[in-house]
Amino acid sequence: MKYVIVAIAVIIFCAGCSGNSTPGKQSQTDGGDNLANTPPSQHFAVPLADGFMGRGGTGEYEVYMDSVNKHDGHNVPTIRSVTPLKFATVIGNMQPMKCIGKRIMYTAWVRAKDVKGWASLWLRIDPDDPAHKPALGFDNMSGRPIRGTGDWAQFQVVMDVPEGAADLVYGALLSGNGQVWIDSMDIKIVDSQTPRTDSLMPKFKKVL
């Protein structure tokens, strides 16, 4: 990179379903609050490696590729709080294609330092017209957040991709004080016996 449980898995390294493929169109929302509701002058968009973006409020967070705290010998994207009010995220997306009607697992390695609020992976399944329809699926680990300090560990989100899905939007977020590093974001098809994680979402949480 530059500057940014057992399951039967079938990894798809094409634009259809792979976290390492080049993302398609950029979504206007993410796994926390809706950044589209923030005036452009008050949020940032930082290009990261492999087509990902870093987004957040200007002056609230720094999102960049860390060349010091590496994972497996290479640079990784990190989110570090400065004066946090809302949240910041690393975001990517892809078209579902071969994932339609199948169960997918989104995984990434995360390292956390002094996270006082919460951090997480997140995955949202958008329909053809997300401006006029709710998301077809959503999980931001709000029922099982990452907090405190922890060494590199792999986390996962497992969801079904229904008919009508047009976009998979995914990433990692930090809300509040602390710092997180993210590596090896990947999406793959898994067996239908793999438990879904979106069933763990608190019912009161708004789906964005």
Protein backbone atom coordinates (compact mmCIF):
# COMPACT_ATOMS: atom_id res chain seq x y z
CA MET A 1 0.00 0.00 0.00
CA LYS A 2 0.80 3.62 -0.37
CA TYR A 3 -0.18 7.09 1.47
CA VAL A 4 -3.97 5.58 3.39
CA ILE A 5 -16.10 -18.90 13.16
CA VAL A 6 -15.42 -21.43 10.48
CA ALA A 7 -17.15 -20.63 7.19
CA ILE A 8 -17.08 -22.17 3.72
CA ALA A 9 -15.94 -19.17 1.79
CA VAL A 10 -15.74 -18.52 -1.90
CA ILE A 11 -13.57 -15.49 -2.51
CA ILE A 12 -14.42 -13.47 -5.60
CA PHE A 13 -11.54 -11.31 -6.78
CA CYS A 14 -13.54 -9.45 -9.40
CA ALA A 15 -15.55 -6.25 -9.39
CA GLY A 16 -18.55 -8.37 -8.47
CA CYS A 17 -17.54 -9.11 -4.88
CA SER A 18 -14.12 -8.43 -3.40
CA GLY A 19 -13.00 -5.93 -0.82
CA ASN A 20 -9.72 -5.63 -2.74
CA SER A 21 -11.37 -4.64 -6.01
CA THR A 22 -11.58 -1.07 -7.16
CA PRO A 23 -14.71 0.52 -5.70
CA GLY A 24 -17.36 1.84 -8.04
CA LYS A 25 -19.40 4.99 -7.52
CA GLN A 26 -18.86 6.76 -4.22
CA SER A 27 -21.85 6.77 -1.89
CA GLN A 28 -22.94 10.00 -0.26
CA THR A 29 -23.56 8.38 3.15
CA ASP A 30 -21.61 6.15 5.49
CA GLY A 31 -21.89 3.91 8.53
CA GLY A 32 -22.55 6.59 11.11
CA ASP A 33 -24.36 9.88 10.67
CA ASN A 34 -25.10 11.21 7.21
CA LEU A 35 -22.16 13.31 6.05
CA ALA A 36 -24.24 14.46 3.10
CA ASN A 37 -26.10 16.67 5.58
CA THR A 38 -22.86 18.44 6.51
CA PRO A 39 -21.90 21.51 4.46
CA PRO A 40 -18.97 20.65 2.13
CA SER A 41 -16.78 23.27 3.80
CA GLN A 42 -17.12 21.43 7.12
CA HIS A 43 -16.02 17.93 6.13
CA PHE A 44 -13.04 16.37 4.40
CA ALA A 45 -12.52 13.58 1.88
CA VAL A 46 -9.00 12.11 1.86
CA PRO A 47 -7.97 9.66 -0.90
CA LEU A 48 -6.51 6.45 0.54
CA ALA A 49 -4.96 3.35 -1.00
CA ASP A 50 -6.94 0.91 -3.15
CA GLY A 51 -9.67 3.42 -3.98
CA PHE A 52 -10.86 3.98 -0.41
CA MET A 53 -11.65 7.40 1.02
CA GLY A 54 -11.30 8.91 4.48
CA ARG A 55 -14.20 11.13 5.55
CA GLY A 56 -15.00 13.19 8.61
CA GLY A 57 -15.40 16.65 10.06
CA THR A 58 -12.63 19.14 9.40
CA GLY A 59 -10.52 19.63 12.51
CA GLU A 60 -12.23 16.71 14.29
CA TYR A 61 -10.15 13.80 13.00
CA GLU A 62 -7.12 12.95 10.93
CA VAL A 63 -7.40 10.10 8.41
CA TYR A 64 -4.22 9.02 6.65
CA MET A 65 -1.93 6.14 5.70
CA ASP A 66 0.34 5.25 8.66
CA SER A 67 3.89 4.27 7.69
CA VAL A 68 5.04 3.79 11.31
CA ASN A 69 2.39 1.52 12.90
CA LYS A 70 2.29 -1.05 10.13
CA HIS A 71 0.51 -4.41 9.88
CA ASP A 72 2.22 -7.35 8.18
CA GLY A 73 4.93 -5.00 7.00
CA HIS A 74 2.88 -2.49 5.07
CA ASN A 75 1.25 0.88 5.63
CA VAL A 76 -2.35 0.95 6.83
CA PRO A 77 -5.12 3.57 7.00
CA THR A 78 -5.75 5.08 10.42
CA ILE A 79 -8.33 7.40 11.98
CA ARG A 80 -7.11 9.59 14.86
CA SER A 81 -9.27 11.95 16.87
CA VAL A 82 -8.29 15.58 17.33
CA THR A 83 -11.35 17.42 18.67
CA PRO A 84 -14.13 14.94 17.85
CA LEU A 85 -17.75 16.05 17.70
CA LYS A 86 -19.24 13.41 15.39
CA PHE A 87 -17.25 10.64 13.68
CA ALA A 88 -14.89 9.83 10.84
CA THR A 89 -14.76 6.83 8.54
CA VAL A 90 -12.76 4.94 5.95
CA ILE A 91 -15.21 4.16 3.17
CA GLY A 92 -15.28 2.08 0.00
CA ASN A 93 -18.00 0.55 -2.17
CA MET A 94 -18.63 -1.94 -4.96
CA GLN A 95 -21.45 -3.33 -7.06
CA PRO A 96 -22.83 -6.65 -5.72
CA MET A 97 -23.14 -8.56 -9.00
CA LYS A 98 -22.38 -12.22 -8.12
CA CYS A 99 -23.31 -11.64 -4.47
CA ILE A 100 -27.04 -11.22 -5.16
CA GLY A 101 -29.06 -13.83 -3.26
CA LYS A 102 -26.03 -14.97 -1.29
CA ARG A 103 -24.61 -14.44 2.20
CA ILE A 104 -21.46 -12.34 2.44
CA MET A 105 -18.85 -11.77 5.11
CA TYR A 106 -16.99 -8.50 5.38
CA THR A 107 -13.79 -8.81 7.40
CA ALA A 108 -10.99 -6.47 8.37
CA TRP A 109 -8.17 -6.33 10.88
CA VAL A 110 -8.44 -3.52 13.43
CA ARG A 111 -6.08 -2.19 16.06
CA ALA A 112 -7.43 0.25 18.67
CA LYS A 113 -5.76 2.70 21.04
CA ASP A 114 -7.57 4.54 23.85
CA VAL A 115 -10.96 4.47 22.13
CA LYS A 116 -13.26 6.28 24.54
CA GLY A 117 -16.31 6.38 22.30
CA TRP A 118 -16.58 3.47 19.90
CA ALA A 119 -15.14 2.09 16.70
CA SER A 120 -16.43 -0.55 14.30
CA LEU A 121 -16.61 -2.07 10.88
CA TRP A 122 -19.80 -1.28 8.98
CA LEU A 123 -21.59 -2.53 5.89
CA ARG A 124 -24.67 -1.16 4.16
CA ILE A 125 -26.57 -2.64 1.19
CA ASP A 126 -28.11 0.07 -0.98
CA PRO A 127 -30.99 -0.34 -3.48
CA ASP A 128 -31.13 1.15 -6.97
CA ASP A 129 -32.39 4.48 -5.64
CA PRO A 130 -31.05 5.00 -2.09
CA ALA A 131 -32.41 8.57 -2.08
CA HIS A 132 -36.00 7.30 -2.11
CA LYS A 133 -35.76 3.85 -0.48
CA PRO A 134 -34.31 2.59 2.83
CA ALA A 135 -31.17 0.47 2.88
CA LEU A 136 -31.74 -3.23 2.15
CA GLY A 137 -29.32 -4.20 4.91
CA PHE A 138 -27.15 -2.52 7.52
CA ASP A 139 -24.75 -3.44 10.34
CA ASN A 140 -22.32 -1.06 12.03
CA MET A 141 -21.50 -3.29 15.03
CA SER A 142 -23.30 -0.87 17.37
CA GLY A 143 -24.30 -3.82 19.53
CA ARG A 144 -20.70 -5.08 19.77
CA PRO A 145 -18.46 -2.01 19.40
CA ILE A 146 -14.68 -1.82 19.61
CA ARG A 147 -13.52 0.12 22.66
CA GLY A 148 -10.39 0.74 24.68
CA THR A 149 -6.98 -0.49 23.55
CA GLY A 150 -6.35 -3.73 21.69
CA ASP A 151 -3.78 -5.26 19.37
CA TRP A 152 -4.59 -6.33 15.83
CA ALA A 153 -7.69 -8.54 15.72
CA GLN A 154 -10.03 -9.57 12.93
CA PHE A 155 -13.66 -8.49 13.06
CA GLN A 156 -16.53 -9.39 10.80
CA VAL A 157 -19.96 -8.42 9.52
CA VAL A 158 -22.18 -11.09 7.93
CA MET A 159 -25.30 -10.23 5.93
CA ASP A 160 -27.54 -11.50 3.12
CA VAL A 161 -27.58 -9.61 -0.17
CA PRO A 162 -31.19 -9.51 -1.43
CA GLU A 163 -32.59 -8.97 -4.91
CA GLY A 164 -32.61 -5.31 -5.81
CA ALA A 165 -29.22 -4.60 -4.26
CA ALA A 166 -27.23 -2.14 -6.32
CA ASP A 167 -24.29 -1.16 -4.12
CA LEU A 168 -22.29 -2.50 -1.18
CA VAL A 169 -20.91 0.36 0.90
CA TYR A 170 -18.47 -0.58 3.65
CA GLY A 171 -15.63 0.61 5.83
CA ALA A 172 -14.58 1.34 9.41
CA LEU A 173 -15.40 4.23 11.70
CA LEU A 174 -14.29 5.98 14.85
CA SER A 175 -16.66 8.05 16.97
CA GLY A 176 -15.09 9.95 19.85
CA ASN A 177 -11.57 10.07 21.24
CA GLY A 178 -8.93 7.53 20.34
CA GLN A 179 -7.28 6.02 17.30
CA VAL A 180 -7.89 2.97 15.13
CA TRP A 181 -5.92 1.31 12.36
CA ILE A 182 -7.59 -0.83 9.66
CA ASP A 183 -6.14 -3.43 7.30
CA SER A 184 -7.14 -6.13 4.82
CA MET A 185 -10.75 -5.08 4.24
CA ASP A 186 -12.29 -7.95 2.28
CA ILE A 187 -15.74 -9.18 1.25
CA LYS A 188 -16.42 -12.81 0.34
CA ILE A 189 -19.36 -15.17 -0.15
CA VAL A 190 -19.90 -17.62 2.71
CA ASP A 191 -22.11 -20.61 3.44
CA SER A 192 -25.72 -19.91 4.46
CA GLN A 193 -25.04 -21.62 7.82
CA THR A 194 -22.69 -18.80 8.83
CA PRO A 195 -24.61 -16.73 11.42
CA ARG A 196 -25.69 -13.27 10.33
CA THR A 197 -24.46 -10.39 12.48
CA ASP A 198 -27.07 -7.80 11.53
CA SER A 199 -29.50 -9.68 13.81
CA LEU A 200 -27.40 -8.29 16.67
CA MET A 201 -28.24 -4.69 15.72
CA PRO A 202 -30.16 -2.85 18.47
CA LYS A 203 -33.70 -2.28 17.28
CA PHE A 204 -33.63 1.40 18.23
CA LYS A 205 -30.65 2.17 16.01
CA LYS A 206 -31.52 4.15 12.90
CA VAL A 207 -30.52 2.58 9.59
CA LEU A 208 -28.87 5.20 7.39
